Structure formats: structure tokens, C-alpha cells
């Protein structure tokens, strides 16, 4: 049975996709632990050739169970909400956040570091959902953005340097990429002249 069946409600497809992403994260962490955390070397290593692979791999990797557990609920909720804006649009937003945020970390983060974890994508989803309604001028999306800001807005302090071992650059560039995604993917609605 395909996720894309037309008789399946969009919210179910969004929930299944967000849930599938989180299951994938947990499966990869199981493999990483069994491999003595050797997969973690595939994180983003700024300005290194091997670090380029990290742009694609880093959001799938985590620095242990606590790191993954901290990202699980936000990935489920925010991934679902992002995909619920329209599956194709949500996937496009995720791709922009993933690639633009990862590339910015690779280009601009401090050297001799490895950046990994889904939190850059999560920060991107927060920013995307908060900004999307305003650029679309859609009251329902603005409402969702306000709720997301109330519930998850405090995490945005994570874009500031300060906590050792936390990639504030990943958080910052993920959030910036989320704003970019909201602007690039805005729905152009015809204005009504009276």
C-alpha cells in the first residue's frame, strides 16, 4: 500500500512520513551504536572534502541516545506540521533547510569540528512554520506559526553560542534556511481589489 494513495487523508500521509523519518533516525542510531559510533565521522566537517558528505548525512546522525531523544518529539511534531502544509511543499521546504543549512555550516562553522544531528532541520522547521503564514498571508498558517512560536520559540535561543558541544551554527543556519524556504515556497495568492 502506497503512502501516496489518493484515498488516504493528507494528515495521515504527513503523520506517516514524519513517523517514518523518526524511525529511520532511531534505526541509524542503533547501527551507529553497534558500529562503535563510527558513523558519526560522516557529520559535517567544515571546509573539508570528506565533510561535504556530511551535508547529506549529518541530520540522520546523533551523538548518542540523549541527543536523539531530545530531537525525537520535535521531529515528530514539527515534521508533521511542515508536511501538513502540503506534502510536496513540506518536502521541498525540508530539502531547502537540509541542504542550505548544511552547506552554510560547512562553509562558515569553526574548523576542527564535526556537526551532526537533526536539530538544524528542526530549527529550520520552526522558522519555516513561524514565517510561512506571514509570507503567504494565510490566517490559518499564521495561527499555526504563532502556536509553534509559543511552544518551541524558546529553543531559538539555541542559535546563540554558549553551550559546549552544541552546534549553535547548525541551529542558526537551519533557522535561516527555514526562513529562506518560507520565502522561496510562498504561495502566490491573487489579491482582491475592491
N, C-alpha and C. Protein backbone atom coordinates (compact mmCIF):
# COMPACT_ATOMS: atom_id res chain seq x y z
N UNK A 1 0.85 -1.17 0.00
CA UNK A 1 0.00 0.00 0.00
C UNK A 1 0.90 1.24 0.00
N UNK A 2 0.66 2.12 -0.90
CA UNK A 2 1.49 3.32 -1.08
C UNK A 2 1.02 4.46 -0.19
N UNK A 3 2.00 5.27 0.28
CA UNK A 3 1.66 6.47 1.05
C UNK A 3 0.91 7.48 0.20
N UNK A 4 1.10 7.44 -1.10
CA UNK A 4 0.56 8.46 -1.99
C UNK A 4 -0.86 8.15 -2.47
N UNK A 5 -1.51 7.14 -1.91
CA UNK A 5 -2.87 6.82 -2.35
C UNK A 5 -3.78 8.00 -2.13
N UNK A 6 -4.61 8.25 -3.12
CA UNK A 6 -5.47 9.43 -3.08
C UNK A 6 -6.56 9.30 -2.02
N UNK A 7 -6.91 8.08 -1.56
CA UNK A 7 -7.96 7.93 -0.56
C UNK A 7 -7.43 8.08 0.86
N UNK A 8 -6.15 8.25 1.04
CA UNK A 8 -5.57 8.45 2.36
C UNK A 8 -5.57 9.95 2.66
N UNK A 9 -6.13 10.36 3.80
CA UNK A 9 -6.13 11.80 4.14
C UNK A 9 -4.70 12.35 4.24
N UNK A 10 -4.56 13.61 3.84
CA UNK A 10 -3.24 14.25 3.82
C UNK A 10 -2.59 14.24 5.20
N UNK A 11 -3.37 14.41 6.25
CA UNK A 11 -2.79 14.43 7.60
C UNK A 11 -2.19 13.07 7.94
N UNK A 12 -2.80 11.98 7.45
CA UNK A 12 -2.25 10.64 7.69
C UNK A 12 -0.93 10.45 6.96
N UNK A 13 -0.87 10.91 5.73
CA UNK A 13 0.37 10.81 4.96
C UNK A 13 1.47 11.60 5.67
N UNK A 14 1.14 12.80 6.14
CA UNK A 14 2.10 13.63 6.85
C UNK A 14 2.57 12.94 8.14
N UNK A 15 1.64 12.36 8.88
CA UNK A 15 1.98 11.67 10.13
C UNK A 15 2.86 10.45 9.85
N UNK A 16 2.51 9.69 8.81
CA UNK A 16 3.32 8.51 8.46
C UNK A 16 4.73 8.90 8.02
N UNK A 17 4.82 9.97 7.24
CA UNK A 17 6.14 10.41 6.78
C UNK A 17 6.99 10.90 7.94
N UNK A 18 6.42 11.72 8.83
CA UNK A 18 7.17 12.22 10.00
C UNK A 18 7.57 11.06 10.91
N UNK A 19 6.64 10.14 11.12
CA UNK A 19 6.94 8.96 11.94
C UNK A 19 8.01 8.09 11.30
N UNK A 20 7.93 7.92 9.99
CA UNK A 20 8.94 7.14 9.27
C UNK A 20 10.32 7.77 9.37
N UNK A 21 10.39 9.10 9.32
CA UNK A 21 11.67 9.80 9.47
C UNK A 21 12.27 9.52 10.84
N UNK A 22 11.44 9.59 11.88
CA UNK A 22 11.94 9.35 13.24
C UNK A 22 12.36 7.89 13.41
N UNK A 23 11.61 6.97 12.85
CA UNK A 23 12.02 5.55 12.91
C UNK A 23 13.37 5.37 12.22
N UNK A 24 13.56 6.03 11.09
CA UNK A 24 14.85 5.97 10.39
C UNK A 24 15.97 6.50 11.28
N UNK A 25 15.75 7.63 11.97
CA UNK A 25 16.77 8.18 12.87
C UNK A 25 17.15 7.18 13.95
N UNK A 26 16.15 6.52 14.54
CA UNK A 26 16.42 5.54 15.60
C UNK A 26 17.15 4.32 15.04
N UNK A 27 16.75 3.86 13.86
CA UNK A 27 17.43 2.70 13.24
C UNK A 27 18.89 3.02 12.96
N UNK A 28 19.15 4.22 12.46
CA UNK A 28 20.54 4.61 12.17
C UNK A 28 21.34 4.70 13.46
N UNK A 29 20.73 5.19 14.54
CA UNK A 29 21.47 5.27 15.81
C UNK A 29 21.77 3.87 16.35
N UNK A 30 20.86 2.92 16.17
CA UNK A 30 21.12 1.53 16.58
C UNK A 30 22.34 1.00 15.82
N UNK A 31 22.36 1.24 14.51
CA UNK A 31 23.50 0.80 13.70
C UNK A 31 24.78 1.51 14.14
N UNK A 32 24.69 2.80 14.41
CA UNK A 32 25.85 3.58 14.83
C UNK A 32 26.41 3.06 16.15
N UNK A 33 25.55 2.77 17.10
CA UNK A 33 26.00 2.23 18.39
C UNK A 33 26.66 0.87 18.18
N UNK A 34 26.05 0.02 17.35
CA UNK A 34 26.63 -1.30 17.07
C UNK A 34 27.99 -1.17 16.38
N UNK A 35 28.19 -0.08 15.65
CA UNK A 35 29.46 0.15 14.94
C UNK A 35 30.40 1.03 15.76
N UNK A 36 30.19 1.11 17.07
CA UNK A 36 31.04 1.90 17.96
C UNK A 36 31.11 3.37 17.53
N UNK A 37 29.99 3.90 17.11
CA UNK A 37 29.83 5.31 16.72
C UNK A 37 30.71 5.73 15.54
N UNK A 38 31.04 4.77 14.70
CA UNK A 38 31.87 5.10 13.52
C UNK A 38 31.11 5.91 12.47
N UNK A 39 29.79 5.85 12.49
CA UNK A 39 29.03 6.63 11.51
C UNK A 39 29.12 8.13 11.80
N UNK A 40 29.38 8.50 13.05
CA UNK A 40 29.43 9.91 13.42
C UNK A 40 30.50 10.68 12.67
N UNK A 41 31.49 9.99 12.15
CA UNK A 41 32.53 10.68 11.38
C UNK A 41 31.98 11.27 10.08
N UNK A 42 30.75 10.86 9.72
CA UNK A 42 30.12 11.37 8.49
C UNK A 42 29.33 12.64 8.74
N UNK A 43 29.53 13.26 9.90
CA UNK A 43 28.92 14.56 10.15
C UNK A 43 29.59 15.63 9.29
N UNK A 44 29.10 16.85 9.41
CA UNK A 44 29.67 17.95 8.63
C UNK A 44 31.00 18.35 9.25
N UNK A 45 32.05 18.28 8.46
CA UNK A 45 33.39 18.75 8.85
C UNK A 45 33.66 19.98 7.99
N UNK A 46 33.56 21.17 8.61
CA UNK A 46 33.66 22.40 7.82
C UNK A 46 34.88 22.47 6.92
N UNK A 47 34.60 22.85 5.68
CA UNK A 47 35.60 23.12 4.65
C UNK A 47 36.53 21.95 4.36
N UNK A 48 36.11 20.74 4.63
CA UNK A 48 36.91 19.57 4.25
C UNK A 48 36.15 18.79 3.18
N UNK A 49 36.91 18.14 2.31
CA UNK A 49 36.28 17.37 1.24
C UNK A 49 35.36 16.29 1.80
N UNK A 50 35.83 15.54 2.81
CA UNK A 50 35.01 14.47 3.38
C UNK A 50 33.81 15.03 4.13
N UNK A 51 33.91 16.29 4.57
CA UNK A 51 32.80 16.92 5.27
C UNK A 51 31.63 17.27 4.39
N UNK A 52 31.85 17.31 3.07
CA UNK A 52 30.75 17.58 2.15
C UNK A 52 29.67 16.50 2.23
N UNK A 53 30.07 15.25 2.43
CA UNK A 53 29.11 14.16 2.58
C UNK A 53 28.22 14.43 3.79
N UNK A 54 28.78 15.09 4.79
CA UNK A 54 28.03 15.40 6.00
C UNK A 54 26.83 16.29 5.76
N UNK A 55 26.85 17.08 4.72
CA UNK A 55 25.69 17.92 4.42
C UNK A 55 24.45 17.04 4.25
N UNK A 56 24.64 15.89 3.61
CA UNK A 56 23.53 14.96 3.44
C UNK A 56 23.32 14.04 4.64
N UNK A 57 24.42 13.62 5.27
CA UNK A 57 24.34 12.60 6.32
C UNK A 57 24.08 13.15 7.72
N UNK A 58 24.58 14.34 8.02
CA UNK A 58 24.58 14.84 9.39
C UNK A 58 23.20 14.85 10.07
N UNK A 59 22.11 15.26 9.40
CA UNK A 59 20.82 15.27 10.09
C UNK A 59 20.31 13.88 10.47
N UNK A 60 20.90 12.85 9.90
CA UNK A 60 20.48 11.48 10.22
C UNK A 60 21.28 10.88 11.37
N UNK A 61 22.35 11.55 11.78
CA UNK A 61 23.26 11.03 12.79
C UNK A 61 23.11 11.80 14.10
N UNK A 62 23.34 11.11 15.20
CA UNK A 62 23.22 11.75 16.51
C UNK A 62 24.36 11.32 17.42
N UNK A 63 24.70 12.19 18.35
CA UNK A 63 25.80 11.94 19.27
C UNK A 63 25.36 11.15 20.49
N UNK A 64 24.56 10.13 20.31
CA UNK A 64 24.12 9.27 21.41
C UNK A 64 22.61 9.32 21.60
N UNK A 65 22.16 8.47 22.52
CA UNK A 65 20.72 8.32 22.75
C UNK A 65 20.08 9.59 23.29
N UNK A 66 20.75 10.30 24.20
CA UNK A 66 20.17 11.52 24.76
C UNK A 66 19.95 12.57 23.67
N UNK A 67 20.92 12.70 22.78
CA UNK A 67 20.81 13.64 21.66
C UNK A 67 19.62 13.28 20.79
N UNK A 68 19.50 12.01 20.45
CA UNK A 68 18.40 11.54 19.61
C UNK A 68 17.06 11.71 20.32
N UNK A 69 17.02 11.38 21.60
CA UNK A 69 15.78 11.51 22.36
C UNK A 69 15.31 12.96 22.40
N UNK A 70 16.26 13.89 22.55
CA UNK A 70 15.91 15.32 22.58
C UNK A 70 15.33 15.79 21.25
N UNK A 71 15.71 15.15 20.15
CA UNK A 71 15.22 15.56 18.84
C UNK A 71 13.96 14.80 18.39
N UNK A 72 13.60 13.73 19.08
CA UNK A 72 12.51 12.86 18.62
C UNK A 72 11.15 13.56 18.60
N UNK A 73 10.69 14.08 19.72
CA UNK A 73 9.36 14.69 19.75
C UNK A 73 9.28 15.92 18.85
N UNK A 74 10.27 16.84 18.89
CA UNK A 74 10.20 17.96 17.95
C UNK A 74 10.20 17.51 16.49
N UNK A 75 10.95 16.47 16.15
CA UNK A 75 10.95 15.98 14.77
C UNK A 75 9.58 15.44 14.38
N UNK A 76 8.93 14.74 15.29
CA UNK A 76 7.59 14.22 15.00
C UNK A 76 6.59 15.36 14.81
N UNK A 77 6.54 16.27 15.76
CA UNK A 77 5.54 17.35 15.72
C UNK A 77 5.81 18.32 14.58
N UNK A 78 7.04 18.85 14.52
CA UNK A 78 7.35 19.87 13.51
C UNK A 78 7.45 19.28 12.11
N UNK A 79 7.94 18.04 12.00
CA UNK A 79 7.95 17.37 10.70
C UNK A 79 6.54 17.18 10.19
N UNK A 80 5.64 16.73 11.08
CA UNK A 80 4.24 16.56 10.70
C UNK A 80 3.63 17.88 10.24
N UNK A 81 3.82 18.95 11.03
CA UNK A 81 3.22 20.24 10.67
C UNK A 81 3.78 20.78 9.36
N UNK A 82 5.08 20.59 9.13
CA UNK A 82 5.68 21.05 7.88
C UNK A 82 5.11 20.29 6.69
N UNK A 83 4.97 19.00 6.82
CA UNK A 83 4.42 18.20 5.72
C UNK A 83 2.92 18.43 5.56
N UNK A 84 2.25 18.78 6.64
CA UNK A 84 0.80 19.03 6.56
C UNK A 84 0.48 20.31 5.79
N UNK A 85 1.49 21.17 5.54
CA UNK A 85 1.26 22.36 4.73
C UNK A 85 1.08 21.99 3.26
N UNK A 86 1.22 20.75 2.96
CA UNK A 86 1.19 20.21 1.61
C UNK A 86 2.41 19.33 1.47
N UNK A 87 2.23 18.09 1.12
CA UNK A 87 3.34 17.15 1.14
C UNK A 87 4.49 17.60 0.24
N UNK A 88 4.19 17.99 -0.99
CA UNK A 88 5.26 18.41 -1.90
C UNK A 88 5.95 19.67 -1.38
N UNK A 89 5.16 20.60 -0.90
CA UNK A 89 5.73 21.85 -0.36
C UNK A 89 6.55 21.57 0.90
N UNK A 90 6.05 20.72 1.78
CA UNK A 90 6.78 20.37 3.00
C UNK A 90 8.08 19.65 2.71
N UNK A 91 8.05 18.75 1.72
CA UNK A 91 9.29 18.06 1.33
C UNK A 91 10.28 19.03 0.71
N UNK A 92 9.78 19.96 -0.10
CA UNK A 92 10.67 20.97 -0.70
C UNK A 92 11.27 21.86 0.38
N UNK A 93 10.46 22.26 1.36
CA UNK A 93 10.97 23.08 2.47
C UNK A 93 12.04 22.31 3.23
N UNK A 94 11.79 21.04 3.49
CA UNK A 94 12.77 20.22 4.21
C UNK A 94 14.06 20.10 3.42
N UNK A 95 13.96 19.90 2.12
CA UNK A 95 15.16 19.80 1.29
C UNK A 95 15.97 21.10 1.31
N UNK A 96 15.28 22.23 1.22
CA UNK A 96 15.97 23.53 1.27
C UNK A 96 16.67 23.70 2.61
N UNK A 97 15.95 23.42 3.69
CA UNK A 97 16.52 23.55 5.04
C UNK A 97 17.73 22.64 5.19
N UNK A 98 17.59 21.40 4.79
CA UNK A 98 18.63 20.38 4.92
C UNK A 98 19.89 20.80 4.16
N UNK A 99 19.71 21.18 2.90
CA UNK A 99 20.87 21.47 2.04
C UNK A 99 21.46 22.87 2.29
N UNK A 100 20.63 23.89 2.37
CA UNK A 100 21.13 25.25 2.58
C UNK A 100 21.75 25.37 3.98
N UNK A 101 21.06 24.86 4.99
CA UNK A 101 21.60 24.90 6.35
C UNK A 101 22.90 24.12 6.46
N UNK A 102 22.94 22.92 5.87
CA UNK A 102 24.16 22.11 5.92
C UNK A 102 25.32 22.75 5.18
N UNK A 103 25.04 23.32 4.02
CA UNK A 103 26.09 23.98 3.25
C UNK A 103 26.65 25.19 4.01
N UNK A 104 25.78 25.95 4.66
CA UNK A 104 26.23 27.11 5.44
C UNK A 104 27.11 26.66 6.61
N UNK A 105 26.74 25.56 7.27
CA UNK A 105 27.59 25.04 8.35
C UNK A 105 28.94 24.64 7.77
N UNK A 106 28.94 23.95 6.64
CA UNK A 106 30.20 23.51 6.03
C UNK A 106 31.08 24.70 5.66
N UNK A 107 30.46 25.77 5.17
CA UNK A 107 31.22 26.94 4.75
C UNK A 107 31.69 27.82 5.91
N UNK A 108 30.87 27.96 6.95
CA UNK A 108 31.09 29.03 7.92
C UNK A 108 31.37 28.59 9.36
N UNK A 109 31.11 27.34 9.71
CA UNK A 109 31.35 26.91 11.09
C UNK A 109 32.84 26.79 11.36
N UNK A 110 33.19 26.79 12.62
CA UNK A 110 34.59 26.69 13.01
C UNK A 110 35.22 25.38 12.55
N UNK A 111 36.49 25.45 12.22
CA UNK A 111 37.21 24.27 11.77
C UNK A 111 37.46 23.29 12.91
N UNK A 112 37.96 22.14 12.58
CA UNK A 112 38.29 21.09 13.55
C UNK A 112 37.08 20.73 14.41
N UNK A 113 35.92 20.63 13.79
CA UNK A 113 34.69 20.27 14.49
C UNK A 113 33.88 19.34 13.60
N UNK A 114 32.97 18.61 14.22
CA UNK A 114 32.05 17.74 13.50
C UNK A 114 30.65 18.11 13.96
N UNK A 115 29.77 18.40 13.01
CA UNK A 115 28.40 18.81 13.32
C UNK A 115 27.45 17.72 12.85
N UNK A 116 26.59 17.27 13.76
CA UNK A 116 25.62 16.25 13.39
C UNK A 116 24.37 16.39 14.23
N UNK A 117 23.30 15.79 13.75
CA UNK A 117 22.01 15.80 14.45
C UNK A 117 20.93 16.46 13.62
N UNK A 118 19.70 16.08 13.93
CA UNK A 118 18.53 16.60 13.20
C UNK A 118 18.11 17.98 13.68
N UNK A 119 18.78 18.52 14.68
CA UNK A 119 18.31 19.79 15.25
C UNK A 119 18.41 20.96 14.26
N UNK A 120 19.36 20.94 13.34
CA UNK A 120 19.41 22.00 12.33
C UNK A 120 18.15 22.00 11.48
N UNK A 121 17.68 20.82 11.10
CA UNK A 121 16.44 20.70 10.34
C UNK A 121 15.26 21.12 11.22
N UNK A 122 15.29 20.73 12.49
CA UNK A 122 14.21 21.08 13.41
C UNK A 122 14.12 22.60 13.58
N UNK A 123 15.26 23.27 13.77
CA UNK A 123 15.26 24.73 13.87
C UNK A 123 14.73 25.33 12.56
N UNK A 124 15.09 24.73 11.44
CA UNK A 124 14.57 25.19 10.15
C UNK A 124 13.07 25.06 10.06
N UNK A 125 12.54 23.94 10.55
CA UNK A 125 11.08 23.75 10.54
C UNK A 125 10.39 24.79 11.41
N UNK A 126 10.97 25.08 12.59
CA UNK A 126 10.38 26.10 13.46
C UNK A 126 10.29 27.43 12.70
N UNK A 127 11.41 27.86 12.15
CA UNK A 127 11.44 29.15 11.44
C UNK A 127 10.51 29.13 10.24
N UNK A 128 10.50 28.04 9.50
CA UNK A 128 9.62 27.91 8.33
C UNK A 128 8.15 28.07 8.73
N UNK A 129 7.75 27.36 9.76
CA UNK A 129 6.35 27.38 10.18
C UNK A 129 5.95 28.75 10.74
N UNK A 130 6.86 29.41 11.45
CA UNK A 130 6.56 30.72 12.01
C UNK A 130 6.43 31.76 10.90
N UNK A 131 7.30 31.70 9.89
CA UNK A 131 7.34 32.72 8.84
C UNK A 131 6.34 32.44 7.72
N UNK A 132 6.08 31.20 7.45
CA UNK A 132 5.26 30.80 6.30
C UNK A 132 3.91 31.50 6.23
N UNK A 133 3.19 31.54 7.31
CA UNK A 133 1.86 32.17 7.30
C UNK A 133 1.91 33.64 6.96
N UNK A 134 2.96 34.31 7.42
CA UNK A 134 3.08 35.75 7.15
C UNK A 134 3.42 36.01 5.69
N UNK A 135 4.29 35.21 5.11
CA UNK A 135 4.61 35.44 3.69
C UNK A 135 3.46 35.00 2.79
N UNK A 136 2.68 34.03 3.25
CA UNK A 136 1.51 33.59 2.47
C UNK A 136 0.28 34.45 2.74
N UNK A 137 0.31 35.19 3.82
CA UNK A 137 -0.84 35.98 4.27
C UNK A 137 -2.06 35.08 4.48
N UNK A 138 -1.81 33.94 5.11
CA UNK A 138 -2.85 32.95 5.36
C UNK A 138 -3.14 32.89 6.86
N UNK A 139 -4.34 33.27 7.29
CA UNK A 139 -4.66 33.30 8.73
C UNK A 139 -4.46 31.95 9.43
N UNK A 140 -4.82 30.85 8.77
CA UNK A 140 -4.65 29.53 9.38
C UNK A 140 -3.17 29.23 9.60
N UNK A 141 -2.34 29.52 8.60
CA UNK A 141 -0.90 29.28 8.73
C UNK A 141 -0.28 30.21 9.76
N UNK A 142 -0.77 31.46 9.83
CA UNK A 142 -0.27 32.38 10.86
C UNK A 142 -0.60 31.82 12.24
N UNK A 143 -1.81 31.29 12.40
CA UNK A 143 -2.20 30.68 13.68
C UNK A 143 -1.29 29.53 14.06
N UNK A 144 -0.99 28.66 13.08
CA UNK A 144 -0.07 27.54 13.34
C UNK A 144 1.31 28.08 13.72
N UNK A 145 1.77 29.10 13.00
CA UNK A 145 3.07 29.69 13.30
C UNK A 145 3.14 30.28 14.69
N UNK A 146 2.06 30.94 15.13
CA UNK A 146 2.03 31.52 16.47
C UNK A 146 2.08 30.42 17.52
N UNK A 147 1.33 29.34 17.31
CA UNK A 147 1.35 28.22 18.26
C UNK A 147 2.75 27.60 18.30
N UNK A 148 3.36 27.41 17.14
CA UNK A 148 4.72 26.86 17.08
C UNK A 148 5.68 27.78 17.82
N UNK A 149 5.54 29.07 17.63
CA UNK A 149 6.41 30.03 18.30
C UNK A 149 6.23 29.97 19.82
N UNK A 150 4.99 29.85 20.27
CA UNK A 150 4.72 29.76 21.71
C UNK A 150 5.32 28.47 22.29
N UNK A 151 5.12 27.35 21.60
CA UNK A 151 5.56 26.06 22.12
C UNK A 151 7.06 25.87 21.96
N UNK A 152 7.60 26.23 20.80
CA UNK A 152 9.01 25.94 20.50
C UNK A 152 9.90 27.18 20.41
N UNK A 153 9.33 28.36 20.59
CA UNK A 153 10.10 29.58 20.41
C UNK A 153 11.31 29.69 21.32
N UNK A 154 11.21 29.14 22.52
CA UNK A 154 12.35 29.24 23.45
C UNK A 154 13.58 28.50 22.96
N UNK A 155 13.39 27.51 22.10
CA UNK A 155 14.56 26.78 21.57
C UNK A 155 15.40 27.67 20.67
N UNK A 156 14.79 28.74 20.16
CA UNK A 156 15.54 29.61 19.25
C UNK A 156 16.74 30.27 19.91
N UNK A 157 16.78 30.26 21.26
CA UNK A 157 17.99 30.75 21.94
C UNK A 157 19.18 29.87 21.59
N UNK A 158 18.91 28.66 21.11
CA UNK A 158 19.98 27.74 20.71
C UNK A 158 20.76 28.19 19.50
N UNK A 159 20.36 29.30 18.86
CA UNK A 159 21.12 29.81 17.72
C UNK A 159 22.31 30.65 18.19
N UNK A 160 22.38 30.88 19.50
CA UNK A 160 23.47 31.68 20.06
C UNK A 160 24.57 30.77 20.60
N UNK A 161 25.82 31.17 20.46
CA UNK A 161 26.91 30.36 21.01
C UNK A 161 26.84 30.34 22.53
N UNK A 162 27.35 29.28 23.11
CA UNK A 162 27.40 29.26 24.57
C UNK A 162 27.49 27.89 25.18
N UNK A 163 26.78 26.92 24.66
CA UNK A 163 26.81 25.59 25.27
C UNK A 163 27.84 24.72 24.57
N UNK A 164 28.89 24.33 25.28
CA UNK A 164 29.94 23.50 24.66
C UNK A 164 29.35 22.19 24.11
N UNK A 165 29.83 21.80 22.93
CA UNK A 165 29.40 20.55 22.32
C UNK A 165 28.09 20.65 21.56
N UNK A 166 27.48 21.84 21.52
CA UNK A 166 26.23 22.04 20.80
C UNK A 166 26.52 22.89 19.58
N UNK A 167 26.07 22.45 18.42
CA UNK A 167 26.32 23.17 17.18
C UNK A 167 25.33 24.32 17.03
N UNK A 168 25.65 25.44 17.66
CA UNK A 168 24.79 26.60 17.50
C UNK A 168 24.77 27.04 16.05
N UNK A 169 25.87 26.77 15.31
CA UNK A 169 25.90 27.12 13.89
C UNK A 169 24.86 26.30 13.12
N UNK A 170 24.73 25.02 13.45
CA UNK A 170 23.71 24.19 12.81
C UNK A 170 22.32 24.72 13.10
N UNK A 171 22.09 25.14 14.34
CA UNK A 171 20.79 25.70 14.72
C UNK A 171 20.52 27.01 13.97
N UNK A 172 21.52 27.89 13.99
CA UNK A 172 21.36 29.20 13.34
C UNK A 172 21.12 29.06 11.85
N UNK A 173 21.97 28.29 11.16
CA UNK A 173 21.84 28.18 9.71
C UNK A 173 20.62 27.36 9.32
N UNK A 174 20.19 26.44 10.17
CA UNK A 174 18.94 25.74 9.92
C UNK A 174 17.77 26.70 9.97
N UNK A 175 17.76 27.59 10.99
CA UNK A 175 16.68 28.58 11.12
C UNK A 175 16.68 29.56 9.95
N UNK A 176 17.86 30.01 9.55
CA UNK A 176 17.96 30.92 8.40
C UNK A 176 17.43 30.21 7.14
N UNK A 177 17.80 28.96 6.97
CA UNK A 177 17.33 28.18 5.81
C UNK A 177 15.81 28.00 5.87
N UNK A 178 15.24 27.89 7.06
CA UNK A 178 13.78 27.80 7.19
C UNK A 178 13.08 29.06 6.71
N UNK A 179 13.65 30.22 7.03
CA UNK A 179 13.10 31.49 6.55
C UNK A 179 13.21 31.54 5.03
N UNK A 180 14.37 31.13 4.51
CA UNK A 180 14.56 31.11 3.05
C UNK A 180 13.52 30.20 2.40
N UNK A 181 13.30 29.02 2.98
CA UNK A 181 12.31 28.08 2.42
C UNK A 181 10.92 28.70 2.41
N UNK A 182 10.55 29.39 3.49
CA UNK A 182 9.22 30.01 3.55
C UNK A 182 9.05 31.05 2.46
N UNK A 183 10.09 31.83 2.21
CA UNK A 183 10.02 32.88 1.19
C UNK A 183 10.01 32.27 -0.21
N UNK A 184 10.89 31.31 -0.46
CA UNK A 184 11.00 30.69 -1.79
C UNK A 184 9.73 29.93 -2.15
N UNK A 185 9.12 29.28 -1.16
CA UNK A 185 7.96 28.42 -1.42
C UNK A 185 6.62 29.10 -1.13
N UNK A 186 6.64 30.42 -0.96
CA UNK A 186 5.39 31.11 -0.62
C UNK A 186 4.36 30.87 -1.73
N UNK A 187 3.13 30.80 -1.28
CA UNK A 187 2.04 30.65 -2.24
C UNK A 187 1.60 32.02 -2.69
N UNK A 188 1.60 32.20 -3.97
CA UNK A 188 1.20 33.48 -4.52
C UNK A 188 -0.31 33.47 -4.74
N UNK A 189 -0.98 34.23 -3.90
CA UNK A 189 -2.44 34.29 -3.99
C UNK A 189 -2.83 35.58 -4.70
N UNK A 190 -3.83 35.49 -5.52
CA UNK A 190 -4.31 36.69 -6.23
C UNK A 190 -4.89 37.65 -5.21
N UNK A 191 -4.53 38.90 -5.34
CA UNK A 191 -5.09 39.89 -4.44
C UNK A 191 -6.46 40.31 -4.95
N UNK A 192 -7.30 40.65 -4.03
CA UNK A 192 -8.66 41.03 -4.35
C UNK A 192 -8.76 42.55 -4.28
N UNK A 193 -9.10 43.17 -5.38
CA UNK A 193 -9.26 44.63 -5.41
C UNK A 193 -10.73 44.97 -5.21
N UNK A 194 -10.99 45.90 -4.36
CA UNK A 194 -12.38 46.31 -4.14
C UNK A 194 -12.67 47.62 -4.81
